[in-house]
Amino acid sequence: MGFALSGIMFAIRTQRHMQIHCIAAVLVIGLGWLLSLSSAEWALILFAIVLVISLELVNTAIEQAVDLASPERHPIAKAAKDTAAGAVLAGTLGAIAIGVIIIGPPLWRLLFAS
């Protein structure tokens, strides 16, 4: 567990996108609390958060390993890094869709209810 926590902290300390994902997660959790989400809604929101953070951790691991194995620029190294980043983007877009579907309607009612 210590090594895993060390890896998570490394990613948070060194990866700008991981920091952004963590801030977004805190904001979404706060909104979910404010909007009194159901258990099922919480399950989907938490799944989306964990998915994106997990993908970002895997992306960081791939980037670090590729940089170690291939410090010079190489098309295959670029492809590996770009593909890992694409996985994070796909997960993030899915998480945004889940957030809009679950949080959007009650937030809209809260902000614009007559």
Protein backbone atom coordinates (compact mmCIF):
# COMPACT_ATOMS: atom_id res chain seq x y z
CA MET A 1 0.00 0.00 0.00
CA GLY A 2 2.91 2.34 0.74
CA PHE A 3 4.26 2.00 -2.79
CA ALA A 4 0.79 2.61 -4.25
CA LEU A 5 0.30 5.75 -2.16
CA SER A 6 3.77 6.90 -3.16
CA GLY A 7 2.81 6.50 -6.83
CA ILE A 8 -0.43 8.41 -6.36
CA MET A 9 1.39 11.23 -4.57
CA PHE A 10 4.06 11.31 -7.31
CA ALA A 11 1.35 11.75 -9.94
CA ILE A 12 -0.42 14.46 -7.94
CA ARG A 13 2.86 16.32 -7.32
CA THR A 14 4.21 16.12 -10.85
CA GLN A 15 1.29 15.85 -13.29
CA ARG A 16 -0.74 18.98 -14.00
CA HIS A 17 -3.65 17.00 -15.42
CA MET A 18 -3.81 14.82 -12.31
CA GLN A 19 -4.08 17.99 -10.23
CA ILE A 20 -6.90 19.21 -12.46
CA HIS A 21 -8.70 15.85 -12.18
CA CYS A 22 -8.41 15.94 -8.37
CA ILE A 23 -9.78 19.48 -8.19
CA ALA A 24 -12.65 18.50 -10.51
CA ALA A 25 -13.37 15.46 -8.34
CA VAL A 26 -13.59 17.60 -5.20
CA LEU A 27 -15.92 20.05 -6.96
CA VAL A 28 -18.16 17.27 -8.29
CA ILE A 29 -18.32 15.61 -4.87
CA GLY A 30 -19.28 18.96 -3.35
CA LEU A 31 -22.00 19.46 -5.96
CA GLY A 32 -23.26 15.94 -5.40
CA TRP A 33 -23.51 16.58 -1.69
CA LEU A 34 -25.29 19.89 -2.29
CA LEU A 35 -27.76 18.23 -4.66
CA SER A 36 -28.39 15.20 -2.39
CA LEU A 37 -27.66 12.57 -5.03
CA SER A 38 -29.17 9.10 -4.65
CA SER A 39 -27.01 6.08 -3.86
CA ALA A 40 -27.12 4.94 -7.48
CA GLU A 41 -26.11 8.39 -8.71
CA TRP A 42 -23.23 8.47 -6.21
CA ALA A 43 -22.09 5.06 -7.42
CA LEU A 44 -21.90 6.29 -11.03
CA ILE A 45 -20.21 9.57 -10.09
CA LEU A 46 -17.62 7.82 -7.91
CA PHE A 47 -17.01 5.21 -10.62
CA ALA A 48 -16.35 7.99 -13.14
CA ILE A 49 -13.98 9.78 -10.76
CA VAL A 50 -12.03 6.62 -9.96
CA LEU A 51 -11.89 5.67 -13.64
CA VAL A 52 -10.37 9.01 -14.70
CA ILE A 53 -7.87 9.10 -11.83
CA SER A 54 -6.88 5.48 -12.50
CA LEU A 55 -6.38 6.18 -16.20
CA GLU A 56 -4.27 9.22 -15.35
CA LEU A 57 -2.11 7.08 -13.04
CA VAL A 58 -1.60 4.49 -15.80
CA ASN A 59 -0.82 7.28 -18.28
CA THR A 60 1.80 8.68 -15.89
CA ALA A 61 3.34 5.24 -15.43
CA ILE A 62 3.53 4.71 -19.20
CA GLU A 63 5.06 8.14 -19.75
CA GLN A 64 7.70 7.54 -17.07
CA ALA A 65 8.58 4.08 -18.42
CA VAL A 66 8.78 5.33 -22.01
CA ASP A 67 10.98 8.27 -20.95
CA LEU A 68 13.32 5.83 -19.16
CA ALA A 69 13.45 3.36 -22.06
CA SER A 70 13.65 5.97 -24.80
CA PRO A 71 15.02 9.31 -23.60
CA GLU A 72 15.39 10.47 -27.21
CA ARG A 73 12.38 11.18 -29.40
CA HIS A 74 11.10 8.15 -31.25
CA PRO A 75 7.86 7.62 -33.20
CA ILE A 76 6.99 4.46 -31.24
CA ALA A 77 7.59 6.23 -27.91
CA LYS A 78 5.34 9.05 -29.09
CA ALA A 79 2.65 6.58 -30.15
CA ALA A 80 2.72 4.88 -26.73
CA LYS A 81 2.44 8.19 -24.89
CA ASP A 82 -0.27 9.55 -27.22
CA THR A 83 -2.31 6.36 -26.91
CA ALA A 84 -2.12 6.44 -23.10
CA ALA A 85 -3.19 10.09 -23.15
CA GLY A 86 -6.04 9.13 -25.48
CA ALA A 87 -7.27 6.62 -22.88
CA VAL A 88 -7.38 9.41 -20.30
CA LEU A 89 -9.26 11.66 -22.72
CA ALA A 90 -11.82 8.93 -23.48
CA GLY A 91 -12.38 8.29 -19.77
CA THR A 92 -12.64 12.00 -19.05
CA LEU A 93 -15.22 12.56 -21.80
CA GLY A 94 -17.24 9.64 -20.43
CA ALA A 95 -17.00 11.07 -16.90
CA ILE A 96 -18.15 14.47 -18.14
CA ALA A 97 -21.14 12.83 -19.85
CA ILE A 98 -22.05 10.96 -16.64
CA GLY A 99 -21.71 14.20 -14.67
CA VAL A 100 -23.91 16.16 -17.06
CA ILE A 101 -26.58 13.44 -17.07
CA ILE A 102 -26.65 13.05 -13.27
CA ILE A 103 -25.78 16.52 -11.95
CA GLY A 104 -27.08 18.65 -14.81
CA PRO A 105 -30.85 18.40 -14.24
CA PRO A 106 -30.90 18.96 -10.45
CA LEU A 107 -28.32 21.74 -10.76
CA TRP A 108 -30.43 23.39 -13.47
CA ARG A 109 -33.50 23.20 -11.21
CA LEU A 110 -31.53 24.63 -8.28
CA LEU A 111 -30.16 27.55 -10.30
CA PHE A 112 -33.15 28.37 -12.50
CA ALA A 113 -36.24 27.18 -10.64
CA SER A 114 -38.96 29.80 -10.61
